[in-house]
Structure formats: structure tokens, C-alpha cells
Amino acid sequence: MSEEDYTRGSRSAYRFMMLHCMQNLDVETEPEELEKKVAQLLAEREEAIGALRDLCRDCGDNEWSDDLHLADIIDKHLGRHLDR
């Protein structure tokens, strides 16, 4: 078995597991619905980033990139400042 075959098989298995998890979490798995959900989540993230930038400007620090995980932004750049 080549490395390419292994990678392709591994990705296929992970894709299957992800779809199985999504179905059990009641997430729509039809392609059109997934695209809609991704668009909604991207828009929601952009709004959250804007709100966090405002909060961090007033109560924390803005020393983070827009692609940082939201929980890390809240914990490291806002929450720690609020604990003081």
C-alpha cells in the first residue's frame, strides 16, 4: 500500500466518522444545507470577532489575530483582564 493510498483511506474514514457524528448531533448533511450552515457560521464568527474586538478594546487587549479560536480570544485576551 502506498502512502497516497493510506492517506486517501484515512481521509475517507475520517469523513465517514464526521458525517456519522453530524447525523447524531442532528446536523443536516445534505450538501446544500451544509453550504448554508457554513455560510451562517462564517457570518456569525465575523460578528463575534467584531464584538470581541470592541470588548477587548475596552476591557482586555487586541493582541490577537482574527483567525484565533474564539475560546482562546475570550480566555486569554478578555477573561484574564476581567479577573483583575
PDB file of N, CA and C in Angstrom:
ATOM      1  N   MET A   1       0.857  -1.176   0.000  1.00  0.00           N
ATOM      2  CA  MET A   1       0.000   0.000   0.000  1.00  0.00           C
ATOM      3  C   MET A   1       0.900   1.235   0.000  1.00  0.00           C
ATOM      4  N   SER A   2       0.594   2.173  -0.885  1.00  0.00           N
ATOM      5  CA  SER A   2       1.386   3.388  -0.969  1.00  0.00           C
ATOM      6  C   SER A   2       0.919   4.390   0.094  1.00  0.00           C
ATOM      7  N   GLU A   3       1.733   5.392   0.310  1.00  0.00           N
ATOM      8  CA  GLU A   3       1.375   6.438   1.261  1.00  0.00           C
ATOM      9  C   GLU A   3       0.131   7.192   0.781  1.00  0.00           C
ATOM     10  N   GLU A   4       0.020   7.362  -0.526  1.00  0.00           N
ATOM     11  CA  GLU A   4      -1.154   8.031  -1.094  1.00  0.00           C
ATOM     12  C   GLU A   4      -2.417   7.221  -0.829  1.00  0.00           C
ATOM     13  N   ASP A   5      -2.341   5.895  -0.970  1.00  0.00           N
ATOM     14  CA  ASP A   5      -3.492   5.037  -0.678  1.00  0.00           C
ATOM     15  C   ASP A   5      -3.872   5.127   0.797  1.00  0.00           C
ATOM     16  N   TYR A   6      -2.860   5.121   1.660  1.00  0.00           N
ATOM     17  CA  TYR A   6      -3.107   5.219   3.092  1.00  0.00           C
ATOM     18  C   TYR A   6      -3.800   6.546   3.419  1.00  0.00           C
ATOM     19  N   THR A   7      -3.290   7.645   2.853  1.00  0.00           N
ATOM     20  CA  THR A   7      -3.861   8.962   3.113  1.00  0.00           C
ATOM     21  C   THR A   7      -5.298   9.037   2.617  1.00  0.00           C
ATOM     22  N   ARG A   8      -5.543   8.525   1.417  1.00  0.00           N
ATOM     23  CA  ARG A   8      -6.891   8.541   0.857  1.00  0.00           C
ATOM     24  C   ARG A   8      -7.849   7.716   1.727  1.00  0.00           C
ATOM     25  N   GLY A   9      -7.411   6.540   2.168  1.00  0.00           N
ATOM     26  CA  GLY A   9      -8.240   5.698   3.030  1.00  0.00           C
ATOM     27  C   GLY A   9      -8.495   6.338   4.380  1.00  0.00           C
ATOM     28  N   SER A  10      -7.470   6.955   4.921  1.00  0.00           N
ATOM     29  CA  SER A  10      -7.604   7.628   6.209  1.00  0.00           C
ATOM     30  C   SER A  10      -8.591   8.785   6.120  1.00  0.00           C
ATOM     31  N   ARG A  11      -8.479   9.584   5.081  1.00  0.00           N
ATOM     32  CA  ARG A  11      -9.396  10.719   4.897  1.00  0.00           C
ATOM     33  C   ARG A  11     -10.828  10.228   4.712  1.00  0.00           C
ATOM     34  N   SER A  12     -10.984   9.138   3.993  1.00  0.00           N
ATOM     35  CA  SER A  12     -12.312   8.570   3.786  1.00  0.00           C
ATOM     36  C   SER A  12     -12.913   8.125   5.118  1.00  0.00           C
ATOM     37  N   ALA A  13     -12.104   7.491   5.945  1.00  0.00           N
ATOM     38  CA  ALA A  13     -12.591   7.039   7.251  1.00  0.00           C
ATOM     39  C   ALA A  13     -12.974   8.225   8.134  1.00  0.00           C
ATOM     40  N   TYR A  14     -12.150   9.266   8.145  1.00  0.00           N
ATOM     41  CA  TYR A  14     -12.467  10.447   8.943  1.00  0.00           C
ATOM     42  C   TYR A  14     -13.725  11.146   8.431  1.00  0.00           C
ATOM     43  N   ARG A  15     -13.885  11.209   7.113  1.00  0.00           N
ATOM     44  CA  ARG A  15     -15.080  11.814   6.529  1.00  0.00           C
ATOM     45  C   ARG A  15     -16.325  11.041   6.970  1.00  0.00           C
ATOM     46  N   PHE A  16     -16.239   9.702   6.944  1.00  0.00           N
ATOM     47  CA  PHE A  16     -17.349   8.864   7.386  1.00  0.00           C
ATOM     48  C   PHE A  16     -17.670   9.125   8.859  1.00  0.00           C
ATOM     49  N   MET A  17     -16.632   9.187   9.702  1.00  0.00           N
ATOM     50  CA  MET A  17     -16.847   9.436  11.129  1.00  0.00           C
ATOM     51  C   MET A  17     -17.472  10.808  11.361  1.00  0.00           C
ATOM     52  N   MET A  18     -17.015  11.816  10.605  1.00  0.00           N
ATOM     53  CA  MET A  18     -17.542  13.158  10.770  1.00  0.00           C
ATOM     54  C   MET A  18     -19.023  13.192  10.383  1.00  0.00           C
ATOM     55  N   LEU A  19     -19.378  12.574   9.271  1.00  0.00           N
ATOM     56  CA  LEU A  19     -20.781  12.542   8.864  1.00  0.00           C
ATOM     57  C   LEU A  19     -21.632  11.793   9.881  1.00  0.00           C
ATOM     58  N   HIS A  20     -21.109  10.701  10.418  1.00  0.00           N
ATOM     59  CA  HIS A  20     -21.829   9.948  11.446  1.00  0.00           C
ATOM     60  C   HIS A  20     -22.060  10.825  12.682  1.00  0.00           C
ATOM     61  N   CYS A  21     -21.034  11.543  13.113  1.00  0.00           N
ATOM     62  CA  CYS A  21     -21.173  12.435  14.266  1.00  0.00           C
ATOM     63  C   CYS A  21     -22.180  13.539  13.983  1.00  0.00           C
ATOM     64  N   MET A  22     -22.127  14.113  12.797  1.00  0.00           N
ATOM     65  CA  MET A  22     -23.045  15.185  12.442  1.00  0.00           C
ATOM     66  C   MET A  22     -24.483  14.689  12.452  1.00  0.00           C
ATOM     67  N   GLN A  23     -24.714  13.497  11.954  1.00  0.00           N
ATOM     68  CA  GLN A  23     -26.065  12.944  11.945  1.00  0.00           C
ATOM     69  C   GLN A  23     -26.570  12.733  13.368  1.00  0.00           C
ATOM     70  N   ASN A  24     -25.697  12.273  14.255  1.00  0.00           N
ATOM     71  CA  ASN A  24     -26.096  12.047  15.641  1.00  0.00           C
ATOM     72  C   ASN A  24     -26.257  13.344  16.426  1.00  0.00           C
ATOM     73  N   LEU A  25     -25.685  14.429  15.919  1.00  0.00           N
ATOM     74  CA  LEU A  25     -25.868  15.742  16.540  1.00  0.00           C
ATOM     75  C   LEU A  25     -26.983  16.524  15.862  1.00  0.00           C
ATOM     76  N   ASP A  26     -27.736  15.843  14.999  1.00  0.00           N
ATOM     77  CA  ASP A  26     -28.845  16.453  14.271  1.00  0.00           C
ATOM     78  C   ASP A  26     -28.402  17.618  13.403  1.00  0.00           C
ATOM     79  N   VAL A  27     -27.230  17.497  12.784  1.00  0.00           N
ATOM     80  CA  VAL A  27     -26.757  18.489  11.829  1.00  0.00           C
ATOM     81  C   VAL A  27     -27.113  17.989  10.437  1.00  0.00           C
ATOM     82  N   GLU A  28     -27.739  18.844   9.655  1.00  0.00           N
ATOM     83  CA  GLU A  28     -28.124  18.485   8.290  1.00  0.00           C
ATOM     84  C   GLU A  28     -26.869  18.154   7.479  1.00  0.00           C
ATOM     85  N   THR A  29     -26.897  17.055   6.750  1.00  0.00           N
ATOM     86  CA  THR A  29     -25.718  16.622   6.000  1.00  0.00           C
ATOM     87  C   THR A  29     -25.905  16.692   4.495  1.00  0.00           C
ATOM     88  N   GLU A  30     -27.044  17.214   4.031  1.00  0.00           N
ATOM     89  CA  GLU A  30     -27.219  17.399   2.594  1.00  0.00           C
ATOM     90  C   GLU A  30     -26.300  18.529   2.138  1.00  0.00           C
ATOM     91  N   PRO A  31     -25.652  18.397   0.983  1.00  0.00           N
ATOM     92  CA  PRO A  31     -24.672  19.401   0.537  1.00  0.00           C
ATOM     93  C   PRO A  31     -25.208  20.834   0.544  1.00  0.00           C
ATOM     94  N   GLU A  32     -26.432  21.035   0.077  1.00  0.00           N
ATOM     95  CA  GLU A  32     -26.986  22.389   0.040  1.00  0.00           C
ATOM     96  C   GLU A  32     -27.141  22.955   1.451  1.00  0.00           C
ATOM     97  N   GLU A  33     -27.587  22.112   2.363  1.00  0.00           N
ATOM     98  CA  GLU A  33     -27.778  22.554   3.741  1.00  0.00           C
ATOM     99  C   GLU A  33     -26.442  22.799   4.435  1.00  0.00           C
ATOM    100  N   LEU A  34     -25.442  21.978   4.117  1.00  0.00           N
ATOM    101  CA  LEU A  34     -24.114  22.189   4.697  1.00  0.00           C
ATOM    102  C   LEU A  34     -23.535  23.526   4.235  1.00  0.00           C
ATOM    103  N   GLU A  35     -23.688  23.839   2.964  1.00  0.00           N
ATOM    104  CA  GLU A  35     -23.193  25.113   2.451  1.00  0.00           C
ATOM    105  C   GLU A  35     -23.883  26.276   3.150  1.00  0.00           C
ATOM    106  N   LYS A  36     -25.181  26.159   3.355  1.00  0.00           N
ATOM    107  CA  LYS A  36     -25.942  27.200   4.047  1.00  0.00           C
ATOM    108  C   LYS A  36     -25.444  27.346   5.485  1.00  0.00           C
ATOM    109  N   LYS A  37     -25.235  26.227   6.163  1.00  0.00           N
ATOM    110  CA  LYS A  37     -24.773  26.250   7.549  1.00  0.00           C
ATOM    111  C   LYS A  37     -23.379  26.864   7.658  1.00  0.00           C
ATOM    112  N   VAL A  38     -22.493  26.513   6.736  1.00  0.00           N
ATOM    113  CA  VAL A  38     -21.141  27.080   6.730  1.00  0.00           C
ATOM    114  C   VAL A  38     -21.215  28.595   6.561  1.00  0.00           C
ATOM    115  N   ALA A  39     -22.051  29.059   5.642  1.00  0.00           N
ATOM    116  CA  ALA A  39     -22.204  30.498   5.418  1.00  0.00           C
ATOM    117  C   ALA A  39     -22.729  31.180   6.685  1.00  0.00           C
ATOM    118  N   GLN A  40     -23.705  30.562   7.333  1.00  0.00           N
ATOM    119  CA  GLN A  40     -24.256  31.133   8.570  1.00  0.00           C
ATOM    120  C   GLN A  40     -23.184  31.200   9.660  1.00  0.00           C
ATOM    121  N   LEU A  41     -22.412  30.139   9.784  1.00  0.00           N
ATOM    122  CA  LEU A  41     -21.374  30.112  10.815  1.00  0.00           C
ATOM    123  C   LEU A  41     -20.269  31.120  10.539  1.00  0.00           C
ATOM    124  N   LEU A  42     -19.904  31.297   9.274  1.00  0.00           N
ATOM    125  CA  LEU A  42     -18.894  32.292   8.930  1.00  0.00           C
ATOM    126  C   LEU A  42     -19.382  33.700   9.252  1.00  0.00           C
ATOM    127  N   ALA A  43     -20.635  33.983   8.922  1.00  0.00           N
ATOM    128  CA  ALA A  43     -21.197  35.299   9.229  1.00  0.00           C
ATOM    129  C   ALA A  43     -21.252  35.515  10.742  1.00  0.00           C
ATOM    130  N   GLU A  44     -21.675  34.485  11.460  1.00  0.00           N
ATOM    131  CA  GLU A  44     -21.749  34.583  12.923  1.00  0.00           C
ATOM    132  C   GLU A  44     -20.370  34.818  13.529  1.00  0.00           C
ATOM    133  N   ARG A  45     -19.354  34.130  12.999  1.00  0.00           N
ATOM    134  CA  ARG A  45     -17.991  34.306  13.502  1.00  0.00           C
ATOM    135  C   ARG A  45     -17.513  35.732  13.259  1.00  0.00           C
ATOM    136  N   GLU A  46     -17.794  36.267  12.073  1.00  0.00           N
ATOM    137  CA  GLU A  46     -17.382  37.639  11.769  1.00  0.00           C
ATOM    138  C   GLU A  46     -18.021  38.629  12.738  1.00  0.00           C
ATOM    139  N   GLU A  47     -19.285  38.434  13.049  1.00  0.00           N
ATOM    140  CA  GLU A  47     -19.966  39.302  14.006  1.00  0.00           C
ATOM    141  C   GLU A  47     -19.364  39.146  15.399  1.00  0.00           C
ATOM    142  N   ALA A  48     -19.054  37.912  15.776  1.00  0.00           N
ATOM    143  CA  ALA A  48     -18.454  37.655  17.088  1.00  0.00           C
ATOM    144  C   ALA A  48     -17.073  38.301  17.185  1.00  0.00           C
ATOM    145  N   ILE A  49     -16.290  38.213  16.113  1.00  0.00           N
ATOM    146  CA  ILE A  49     -14.960  38.830  16.112  1.00  0.00           C
ATOM    147  C   ILE A  49     -15.095  40.340  16.308  1.00  0.00           C
ATOM    148  N   GLY A  50     -16.041  40.956  15.610  1.00  0.00           N
ATOM    149  CA  GLY A  50     -16.265  42.393  15.775  1.00  0.00           C
ATOM    150  C   GLY A  50     -16.649  42.760  17.200  1.00  0.00           C
ATOM    151  N   ALA A  51     -17.545  41.989  17.783  1.00  0.00           N
ATOM    152  CA  ALA A  51     -17.966  42.250  19.162  1.00  0.00           C
ATOM    153  C   ALA A  51     -16.804  42.038  20.132  1.00  0.00           C
ATOM    154  N   LEU A  52     -16.012  41.000  19.907  1.00  0.00           N
ATOM    155  CA  LEU A  52     -14.860  40.746  20.776  1.00  0.00           C
ATOM    156  C   LEU A  52     -13.805  41.831  20.629  1.00  0.00           C
ATOM    157  N   ARG A  53     -13.609  42.355  19.421  1.00  0.00           N
ATOM    158  CA  ARG A  53     -12.660  43.464  19.228  1.00  0.00           C
ATOM    159  C   ARG A  53     -13.096  44.664  20.068  1.00  0.00           C
ATOM    160  N   ASP A  54     -14.394  44.975  20.049  1.00  0.00           N
ATOM    161  CA  ASP A  54     -14.901  46.100  20.837  1.00  0.00           C
ATOM    162  C   ASP A  54     -14.710  45.851  22.331  1.00  0.00           C
ATOM    163  N   LEU A  55     -15.079  44.660  22.799  1.00  0.00           N
ATOM    164  CA  LEU A  55     -14.922  44.334  24.223  1.00  0.00           C
ATOM    165  C   LEU A  55     -13.470  44.326  24.647  1.00  0.00           C
ATOM    166  N   CYS A  56     -12.621  43.749  23.816  1.00  0.00           N
ATOM    167  CA  CYS A  56     -11.193  43.679  24.157  1.00  0.00           C
ATOM    168  C   CYS A  56     -10.558  45.072  24.146  1.00  0.00           C
ATOM    169  N   ARG A  57     -11.036  45.958  23.278  1.00  0.00           N
ATOM    170  CA  ARG A  57     -10.521  47.326  23.261  1.00  0.00           C
ATOM    171  C   ARG A  57     -10.842  48.013  24.591  1.00  0.00           C
ATOM    172  N   ASP A  58     -12.037  47.762  25.112  1.00  0.00           N
ATOM    173  CA  ASP A  58     -12.469  48.424  26.339  1.00  0.00           C
ATOM    174  C   ASP A  58     -12.028  47.709  27.612  1.00  0.00           C
ATOM    175  N   CYS A  59     -11.934  46.382  27.566  1.00  0.00           N
ATOM    176  CA  CYS A  59     -11.722  45.615  28.803  1.00  0.00           C
ATOM    177  C   CYS A  59     -10.575  44.614  28.746  1.00  0.00           C
ATOM    178  N   GLY A  60      -9.915  44.479  27.632  1.00  0.00           N
ATOM    179  CA  GLY A  60      -8.868  43.462  27.504  1.00  0.00           C
ATOM    180  C   GLY A  60      -7.745  43.963  26.634  1.00  0.00           C
ATOM    181  N   ASP A  61      -7.292  43.119  25.719  1.00  0.00           N
ATOM    182  CA  ASP A  61      -6.281  43.532  24.756  1.00  0.00           C
ATOM    183  C   ASP A  61      -6.646  42.983  23.381  1.00  0.00           C
ATOM    184  N   ASN A  62      -6.199  43.669  22.363  1.00  0.00           N
ATOM    185  CA  ASN A  62      -6.473  43.268  20.992  1.00  0.00           C
ATOM    186  C   ASN A  62      -5.232  42.688  20.317  1.00  0.00           C
ATOM    187  N   GLU A  63      -4.386  42.071  21.072  1.00  0.00           N
ATOM    188  CA  GLU A  63      -3.160  41.473  20.545  1.00  0.00           C
ATOM    189  C   GLU A  63      -3.427  40.048  20.096  1.00  0.00           C
ATOM    190  N   TRP A  64      -4.348  39.874  19.161  1.00  0.00           N
ATOM    191  CA  TRP A  64      -4.693  38.561  18.634  1.00  0.00           C
ATOM    192  C   TRP A  64      -5.110  38.697  17.181  1.00  0.00           C
ATOM    193  N   SER A  65      -4.942  37.597  16.450  1.00  0.00           N
ATOM    194  CA  SER A  65      -5.308  37.580  15.031  1.00  0.00           C
ATOM    195  C   SER A  65      -6.760  37.144  14.888  1.00  0.00           C
ATOM    196  N   ASP A  66      -7.385  37.552  13.803  1.00  0.00           N
ATOM    197  CA  ASP A  66      -8.793  37.248  13.572  1.00  0.00           C
ATOM    198  C   ASP A  66      -9.069  35.761  13.378  1.00  0.00           C
ATOM    199  N   ASP A  67      -8.033  34.957  13.148  1.00  0.00           N
ATOM    200  CA  ASP A  67      -8.256  33.522  12.959  1.00  0.00           C
ATOM    201  C   ASP A  67      -8.045  32.715  14.237  1.00  0.00           C
ATOM    202  N   LEU A  68      -7.782  33.391  15.364  1.00  0.00           N
ATOM    203  CA  LEU A  68      -7.608  32.700  16.636  1.00  0.00           C
ATOM    204  C   LEU A  68      -8.935  32.081  17.077  1.00  0.00           C
ATOM    205  N   HIS A  69      -8.868  30.930  17.703  1.00  0.00           N
ATOM    206  CA  HIS A  69     -10.058  30.231  18.191  1.00  0.00           C
ATOM    207  C   HIS A  69     -10.800  31.153  19.164  1.00  0.00           C
ATOM    208  N   LEU A  70     -12.122  31.218  19.027  1.00  0.00           N
ATOM    209  CA  LEU A  70     -12.917  32.141  19.845  1.00  0.00           C
ATOM    210  C   LEU A  70     -12.720  31.920  21.343  1.00  0.00           C
ATOM    211  N   ALA A  71     -12.647  30.676  21.766  1.00  0.00           N
ATOM    212  CA  ALA A  71     -12.458  30.405  23.202  1.00  0.00           C
ATOM    213  C   ALA A  71     -11.119  30.953  23.690  1.00  0.00           C
ATOM    214  N   ASP A  72     -10.089  30.890  22.858  1.00  0.00           N
ATOM    215  CA  ASP A  72      -8.786  31.442  23.239  1.00  0.00           C
ATOM    216  C   ASP A  72      -8.842  32.963  23.343  1.00  0.00           C
ATOM    217  N   ILE A  73      -9.573  33.598  22.435  1.00  0.00           N
ATOM    218  CA  ILE A  73      -9.728  35.058  22.498  1.00  0.00           C
ATOM    219  C   ILE A  73     -10.396  35.440  23.812  1.00  0.00           C
ATOM    220  N   ILE A  74     -11.487  34.758  24.119  1.00  0.00           N
ATOM    221  CA  ILE A  74     -12.238  35.074  25.332  1.00  0.00           C
ATOM    222  C   ILE A  74     -11.395  34.813  26.568  1.00  0.00           C
ATOM    223  N   ASP A  75     -10.735  33.675  26.609  1.00  0.00           N
ATOM    224  CA  ASP A  75      -9.946  33.311  27.783  1.00  0.00           C
ATOM    225  C   ASP A  75      -8.698  34.171  27.941  1.00  0.00           C
ATOM    226  N   LYS A  76      -7.899  34.266  26.903  1.00  0.00           N
ATOM    227  CA  LYS A  76      -6.567  34.880  27.021  1.00  0.00           C
ATOM    228  C   LYS A  76      -6.550  36.387  26.835  1.00  0.00           C
ATOM    229  N   HIS A  77      -7.495  36.932  26.088  1.00  0.00           N
ATOM    230  CA  HIS A  77      -7.416  38.348  25.750  1.00  0.00           C
ATOM    231  C   HIS A  77      -8.556  39.171  26.321  1.00  0.00           C
ATOM    232  N   LEU A  78      -9.499  38.511  26.962  1.00  0.00           N
ATOM    233  CA  LEU A  78     -10.592  39.234  27.599  1.00  0.00           C
ATOM    234  C   LEU A  78     -10.759  38.782  29.042  1.00  0.00           C
ATOM    235  N   GLY A  79     -10.982  37.493  29.223  1.00  0.00           N
ATOM    236  CA  GLY A  79     -11.262  36.953  30.550  1.00  0.00           C
ATOM    237  C   GLY A  79     -10.184  37.228  31.585  1.00  0.00           C
ATOM    238  N   ARG A  80      -8.939  37.070  31.201  1.00  0.00           N
ATOM    239  CA  ARG A  80      -7.846  37.302  32.164  1.00  0.00           C
ATOM    240  C   ARG A  80      -7.781  38.751  32.620  1.00  0.00           C
ATOM    241  N   HIS A  81      -8.187  39.655  31.739  1.00  0.00           N
ATOM    242  CA  HIS A  81      -8.206  41.067  32.109  1.00  0.00           C
ATOM    243  C   HIS A  81      -9.388  41.368  33.018  1.00  0.00           C
ATOM    244  N   LEU A  82     -10.482  40.641  32.847  1.00  0.00           N
ATOM    245  CA  LEU A  82     -11.659  40.882  33.677  1.00  0.00           C
ATOM    246  C   LEU A  82     -11.467  40.341  35.085  1.00  0.00           C
ATOM    247  N   ASP A  83     -10.576  39.375  35.242  1.00  0.00           N
ATOM    248  CA  ASP A  83     -10.307  38.803  36.568  1.00  0.00           C
ATOM    249  C   ASP A  83      -9.599  39.773  37.494  1.00  0.00           C
ATOM    250  N   ARG A  84      -9.003  40.794  36.933  1.00  0.00           N
ATOM    251  CA  ARG A  84      -8.210  41.750  37.754  1.00  0.00           C
ATOM    252  C   ARG A  84      -9.079  42.661  38.551  1.00  0.00           C
TER     253      ARG A  84
END
